[in-house]
C-alpha atoms as a PDB file:
ATOM      1  CA  PRO A   1      80.301  68.627  74.068  1.00  0.00           C
ATOM      2  CA  GLN A   2      81.280  70.137  77.458  1.00  0.00           C
ATOM      3  CA  GLN A   3      82.986  73.585  77.264  1.00  0.00           C
ATOM      4  CA  SER A   4      85.511  74.691  79.861  1.00  0.00           C
ATOM      5  CA  THR A   5      84.673  77.816  81.753  1.00  0.00           C
ATOM      6  CA  VAL A   6      87.336  79.828  79.791  1.00  0.00           C
ATOM      7  CA  GLU A   7      85.729  78.792  76.408  1.00  0.00           C
ATOM      8  CA  ARG A   8      82.481  79.756  77.572  1.00  0.00           C
ATOM      9  CA  SER A   9      83.598  83.248  78.591  1.00  0.00           C
ATOM     10  CA  LEU A  10      85.143  83.598  75.093  1.00  0.00           C
ATOM     11  CA  VAL A  11      81.857  82.628  73.512  1.00  0.00           C
ATOM     12  CA  ASP A  12      79.652  84.687  75.716  1.00  0.00           C
ATOM     13  CA  PRO A  13      81.953  87.281  77.154  1.00  0.00           C
ATOM     14  CA  ASP A  14      79.014  88.933  79.334  1.00  0.00           C
ATOM     15  CA  PRO A  15      76.935  86.265  80.667  1.00  0.00           C
ATOM     16  CA  ALA A  16      74.458  87.712  83.167  1.00  0.00           C
ATOM     17  CA  PRO A  17      76.926  90.226  84.528  1.00  0.00           C
ATOM     18  CA  LEU A  18      74.850  91.496  87.577  1.00  0.00           C
ATOM     19  CA  ALA A  19      73.150  88.268  88.250  1.00  0.00           C
ATOM     20  CA  ALA A  20      73.842  86.899  91.678  1.00  0.00           C
ATOM     21  CA  PRO A  21      75.492  83.344  91.949  1.00  0.00           C
ATOM     22  CA  SER A  22      72.347  81.761  93.266  1.00  0.00           C
ATOM     23  CA  GLN A  23      70.286  83.094  90.305  1.00  0.00           C
ATOM     24  CA  SER A  24      72.737  81.826  87.769  1.00  0.00           C
ATOM     25  CA  THR A  25      71.091  79.169  85.395  1.00  0.00           C
ATOM     26  CA  ASN A  26      74.031  78.468  83.295  1.00  0.00           C
ATOM     27  CA  ALA A  27      76.218  76.804  86.026  1.00  0.00           C
ATOM     28  CA  PRO A  28      79.049  74.603  84.675  1.00  0.00           C
ATOM     29  CA  PRO A  29      78.258  70.979  85.126  1.00  0.00           C
ATOM     30  CA  THR A  30      80.626  69.171  87.624  1.00  0.00           C
ATOM     31  CA  PRO A  31      82.705  66.372  86.292  1.00  0.00           C
ATOM     32  CA  SER A  32      81.142  63.817  88.801  1.00  0.00           C
ATOM     33  CA  SER A  33      77.456  64.690  87.885  1.00  0.00           C
ATOM     34  CA  SER A  34      75.990  62.483  85.224  1.00  0.00           C
ATOM     35  CA  THR A  35      72.844  64.354  84.821  1.00  0.00           C
ATOM     36  CA  GLU A  36      73.470  66.919  82.096  1.00  0.00           C
ATOM     37  CA  GLY A  37      70.853  69.363  81.290  1.00  0.00           C
ATOM     38  CA  THR A  38      69.334  69.431  84.859  1.00  0.00           C
ATOM     39  CA  SER A  39      69.692  72.524  86.733  1.00  0.00           C
ATOM     40  CA  ALA A  40      69.688  70.671  90.201  1.00  0.00           C
ATOM     41  CA  PRO A  41      72.269  71.996  92.703  1.00  0.00           C
ATOM     42  CA  ALA A  42      75.150  69.803  93.501  1.00  0.00           C
ATOM     43  CA  SER A  43      74.642  67.627  96.448  1.00  0.00           C
ATOM     44  CA  SER A  44      76.193  68.562  99.691  1.00  0.00           C
ATOM     45  CA  ALA A  45      78.008  65.159  99.787  1.00  0.00           C
ATOM     46  CA  ASP A  46      80.206  66.352  96.701  1.00  0.00           C
ATOM     47  CA  PRO A  47      83.576  66.807  98.356  1.00  0.00           C
ATOM     48  CA  THR A  48      85.040  68.827  95.435  1.00  0.00           C
ATOM     49  CA  PRO A  49      84.380  72.676  95.891  1.00  0.00           C
ATOM     50  CA  GLN A  50      82.501  74.223  93.017  1.00  0.00           C
ATOM     51  CA  GLN A  51      84.551  76.632  90.646  1.00  0.00           C
ATOM     52  CA  PRO A  52      83.172  80.139  90.232  1.00  0.00           C
ATOM     53  CA  THR A  53      81.182  80.483  87.043  1.00  0.00           C
ATOM     54  CA  ALA A  54      82.325  82.906  84.251  1.00  0.00           C
ATOM     55  CA  ALA A  55      79.607  85.167  85.479  1.00  0.00           C
ATOM     56  CA  GLU A  56      80.839  85.102  89.126  1.00  0.00           C
ATOM     57  CA  ARG A  57      84.267  85.819  88.130  1.00  0.00           C
ATOM     58  CA  LEU A  58      83.230  88.638  85.823  1.00  0.00           C
ATOM     59  CA  GLN A  59      81.238  90.168  88.818  1.00  0.00           C
ATOM     60  CA  GLN A  60      84.213  89.774  91.144  1.00  0.00           C
ATOM     61  CA  THR A  61      86.327  91.448  88.474  1.00  0.00           C
ATOM     62  CA  ARG A  62      83.993  94.361  88.021  1.00  0.00           C
ATOM     63  CA  ALA A  63      83.711  94.717  91.827  1.00  0.00           C
ATOM     64  CA  ALA A  64      87.493  94.818  92.265  1.00  0.00           C
ATOM     65  CA  PHE A  65      87.737  97.345  89.318  1.00  0.00           C
ATOM     66  CA  ALA A  66      85.064  99.527  90.885  1.00  0.00           C
ATOM     67  CA  GLN A  67      86.956  99.585  94.036  1.00  0.00           C
ATOM     68  CA  GLU A  68      90.142 100.639  92.254  1.00  0.00           C
ATOM     69  CA  LEU A  69      88.261 103.345  90.602  1.00  0.00           C
ATOM     70  CA  GLN A  70      87.004 104.897  93.809  1.00  0.00           C
ATOM     71  CA  ARG A  71      90.595 105.437  94.980  1.00  0.00           C
ATOM     72  CA  PRO A  72      91.706 108.748  93.434  1.00  0.00           C
ATOM     73  CA  TYR A  73      94.424 108.518  90.770  1.00  0.00           C
ATOM     74  CA  THR A  74      97.553 110.452  91.597  1.00  0.00           C
ATOM     75  CA  PRO A  75     100.580 109.899  89.505  1.00  0.00           C
ATOM     76  CA  SER A  76     103.695 109.798  91.328  1.00  0.00           C
ATOM     77  CA  ARG A  77     105.546 113.305  91.209  1.00  0.00           C
ATOM     78  CA  LEU A  78     108.778 111.812  92.022  1.00  0.00           C
ATOM     79  CA  PRO A  79     109.864 111.245  88.511  1.00  0.00           C
ATOM     80  CA  GLU A  80     108.947 114.747  87.670  1.00  0.00           C
ATOM     81  CA  MET A  81     110.741 116.036  90.730  1.00  0.00           C
ATOM     82  CA  GLY A  82     113.846 114.293  89.448  1.00  0.00           C
ATOM     83  CA  LYS A  83     113.792 116.103  86.255  1.00  0.00           C
ATOM     84  CA  VAL A  84     113.439 119.438  88.000  1.00  0.00           C
ATOM     85  CA  ILE A  85     116.304 118.502  90.207  1.00  0.00           C
ATOM     86  CA  MET A  86     118.330 117.471  87.048  1.00  0.00           C
ATOM     87  CA  THR A  87     117.493 120.792  85.478  1.00  0.00           C
ATOM     88  CA  ALA A  88     118.391 122.922  88.454  1.00  0.00           C
ATOM     89  CA  CYS A  89     121.739 121.007  88.898  1.00  0.00           C
ATOM     90  CA  ALA A  90     122.547 120.731  85.281  1.00  0.00           C
ATOM     91  CA  GLU A  91     125.680 122.973  85.309  1.00  0.00           C
ATOM     92  CA  LEU A  92     127.177 120.827  88.431  1.00  0.00           C
ATOM     93  CA  GLN A  93     126.436 117.728  86.527  1.00  0.00           C
ATOM     94  CA  ALA A  94     127.945 118.936  83.260  1.00  0.00           C
ATOM     95  CA  ASP A  95     131.203 119.965  85.479  1.00  0.00           C
ATOM     96  CA  MET A  96     131.230 116.507  86.921  1.00  0.00           C
ATOM     97  CA  LEU A  97     130.989 114.716  83.472  1.00  0.00           C
ATOM     98  CA  ASP A  98     133.543 117.098  82.151  1.00  0.00           C
ATOM     99  CA  CYS A  99     135.905 116.145  84.796  1.00  0.00           C
ATOM    100  CA  ILE A 100     135.146 112.546  84.338  1.00  0.00           C
ATOM    101  CA  TYR A 101     135.899 112.397  80.690  1.00  0.00           C
ATOM    102  CA  ASN A 102     138.409 115.417  80.280  1.00  0.00           C
ATOM    103  CA  GLY A 103     139.840 115.756  83.832  1.00  0.00           C
ATOM    104  CA  SER A 104     143.612 115.473  84.813  1.00  0.00           C
ATOM    105  CA  ILE A 105     144.789 112.244  85.971  1.00  0.00           C
ATOM    106  CA  ALA A 106     144.887 113.472  89.525  1.00  0.00           C
ATOM    107  CA  GLU A 107     141.048 114.459  89.573  1.00  0.00           C
ATOM    108  CA  ARG A 108     140.111 111.284  87.877  1.00  0.00           C
ATOM    109  CA  ALA A 109     142.077 109.278  90.363  1.00  0.00           C
ATOM    110  CA  LYS A 110     140.052 110.700  92.886  1.00  0.00           C
ATOM    111  CA  LEU A 111     136.847 110.145  90.895  1.00  0.00           C
ATOM    112  CA  CYS A 112     136.392 113.824  90.457  1.00  0.00           C
ATOM    113  CA  GLN A 113     135.222 113.877  94.131  1.00  0.00           C
ATOM    114  CA  THR A 114     134.952 117.579  94.380  1.00  0.00           C
ATOM    115  CA  GLN A 115     132.527 117.958  91.258  1.00  0.00           C
ATOM    116  CA  SER A 116     130.662 114.792  92.303  1.00  0.00           C
ATOM    117  CA  THR A 117     129.975 116.031  95.793  1.00  0.00           C
ATOM    118  CA  ARG A 118     128.899 119.545  94.589  1.00  0.00           C
ATOM    119  CA  PHE A 119     126.456 117.691  92.119  1.00  0.00           C
ATOM    120  CA  TRP A 120     124.969 115.408  94.680  1.00  0.00           C
ATOM    121  CA  LYS A 121     124.843 118.259  97.318  1.00  0.00           C
ATOM    122  CA  CYS A 122     122.825 120.302  94.898  1.00  0.00           C
ATOM    123  CA  ALA A 123     120.401 117.456  94.155  1.00  0.00           C
ATOM    124  CA  GLU A 124     119.753 116.612  97.956  1.00  0.00           C
ATOM    125  CA  ASP A 125     119.267 120.302  98.699  1.00  0.00           C
ATOM    126  CA  TYR A 126     116.832 120.705  96.011  1.00  0.00           C
ATOM    127  CA  LYS A 127     114.999 117.231  96.820  1.00  0.00           C
ATOM    128  CA  TYR A 128     114.878 118.332 100.402  1.00  0.00           C
ATOM    129  CA  VAL A 129     113.370 121.818  99.633  1.00  0.00           C
ATOM    130  CA  LEU A 130     110.933 120.488  97.157  1.00  0.00           C
ATOM    131  CA  LYS A 131     109.767 117.843  99.483  1.00  0.00           C
ATOM    132  CA  ARG A 132     109.370 120.323 102.385  1.00  0.00           C
ATOM    133  CA  MET A 133     107.322 122.647 100.260  1.00  0.00           C
ATOM    134  CA  GLY A 134     104.903 119.787  99.355  1.00  0.00           C
ATOM    135  CA  TYR A 135     105.757 119.346  95.694  1.00  0.00           C
ATOM    136  CA  THR A 136     104.899 115.706  95.592  1.00  0.00           C
ATOM    137  CA  ASN A 137     101.625 116.362  97.738  1.00  0.00           C
ATOM    138  CA  LYS A 138      98.180 115.320  96.312  1.00  0.00           C
ATOM    139  CA  GLY A 139      96.021 118.133  95.094  1.00  0.00           C
ATOM    140  CA  VAL A 140      98.865 120.526  94.108  1.00  0.00           C
ATOM    141  CA  ARG A 141      98.134 122.240  90.959  1.00  0.00           C
ATOM    142  CA  ASP A 142     100.959 122.572  88.150  1.00  0.00           C
ATOM    143  CA  GLU A 143     100.918 126.457  88.600  1.00  0.00           C
ATOM    144  CA  GLN A 144     101.637 125.938  92.302  1.00  0.00           C
ATOM    145  CA  ARG A 145     104.496 123.393  91.365  1.00  0.00           C
ATOM    146  CA  GLU A 146     105.983 125.999  89.134  1.00  0.00           C
ATOM    147  CA  VAL A 147     105.958 128.552  92.047  1.00  0.00           C
ATOM    148  CA  MET A 148     107.454 125.950  94.323  1.00  0.00           C
ATOM    149  CA  VAL A 149     110.471 125.317  91.786  1.00  0.00           C
ATOM    150  CA  ARG A 150     111.104 129.088  91.502  1.00  0.00           C
ATOM    151  CA  GLU A 151     110.980 129.438  95.299  1.00  0.00           C
ATOM    152  CA  ALA A 152     113.225 126.396  95.693  1.00  0.00           C
ATOM    153  CA  ASN A 153     115.795 127.987  93.373  1.00  0.00           C
ATOM    154  CA  ARG A 154     115.706 131.097  95.414  1.00  0.00           C
ATOM    155  CA  ILE A 155     116.067 129.384  98.770  1.00  0.00           C
ATOM    156  CA  VAL A 156     118.836 127.029  97.694  1.00  0.00           C
ATOM    157  CA  GLN A 157     120.861 129.732  95.830  1.00  0.00           C
ATOM    158  CA  HIS A 158     120.392 131.838  99.137  1.00  0.00           C
ATOM    159  CA  ALA A 159     121.620 128.982 101.387  1.00  0.00           C
ATOM    160  CA  TRP A 160     124.554 128.331  99.265  1.00  0.00           C
ATOM    161  CA  THR A 161     125.682 132.039  99.461  1.00  0.00           C
ATOM    162  CA  MET A 162     125.359 132.131 103.225  1.00  0.00           C
ATOM    163  CA  ASP A 163     126.844 128.861 104.202  1.00  0.00           C
ATOM    164  CA  ASN A 164     127.859 125.658 102.231  1.00  0.00           C
ATOM    165  CA  GLU A 165     125.747 123.368 104.600  1.00  0.00           C
ATOM    166  CA  THR A 166     122.245 121.838 104.423  1.00  0.00           C
ATOM    167  CA  ASP A 167     121.842 123.002 108.135  1.00  0.00           C
ATOM    168  CA  VAL A 168     120.890 126.540 106.659  1.00  0.00           C
ATOM    169  CA  LEU A 169     118.058 124.999 104.632  1.00  0.00           C
ATOM    170  CA  GLN A 170     116.763 123.126 107.809  1.00  0.00           C
ATOM    171  CA  LYS A 171     117.039 126.432 109.956  1.00  0.00           C
ATOM    172  CA  PHE A 172     115.260 128.277 107.101  1.00  0.00           C
ATOM    173  CA  PHE A 173     112.387 125.848 107.279  1.00  0.00           C
ATOM    174  CA  ALA A 174     112.283 125.827 111.047  1.00  0.00           C
ATOM    175  CA  VAL A 175     111.856 129.485 111.077  1.00  0.00           C
ATOM    176  CA  SER A 176     109.630 130.013 107.889  1.00  0.00           C
ATOM    177  CA  LEU A 177     107.192 127.263 108.202  1.00  0.00           C
END
C-alpha cells in the first residue's frame, strides 16, 4: 500500500535528516509512475512538479529554525514599560477612577476630564522619558532599567514642579543628552 508523505513522516519522523535531495533513496512514488520499487528518477516529460519529500521538508524546517536561532532573542520591553508607567501614575489613575465611580454629577458629565488629563499626561511623560533614556533598547540590564526608572521619577517630578508642560522634558533632554 502506498503511504502519503504525512503518514511516512509519522512512521519515520527523522528520515535521513541531513541527506541532500539527490541522495534520497526513499523518494515518494509519483501517481503516474507504474514502476513501484525502482529508484529511477522521474522523466523530464512528467508535467507534474515533484512534491518535496519528508526529509527535504524536515531539512527546510531545520534550516529555517536555525536561521531563527541566529537572531538574538530580545523580548519586548514595552509591556514591562507599561507596568512601570502604571505604577508611577497609580495615584492619578486612582483619582480618575474615584471620580468616575464616586464623582459629582458635574464632574461625571465632563467625563472627569481634569483627572483623566492629569493621568494621561503622567503616562505620556513617563513613556517619553523612559524611551529617551533607552529603556526598551537591546542589551540593557535589569539593574540599569531600575536606575532608569528612578531617574525618570526624578526628572518627571522635577519637570512637574517647574512647569506643567512636556516642553520642559524636551528642553531637559536637549541639554542633558
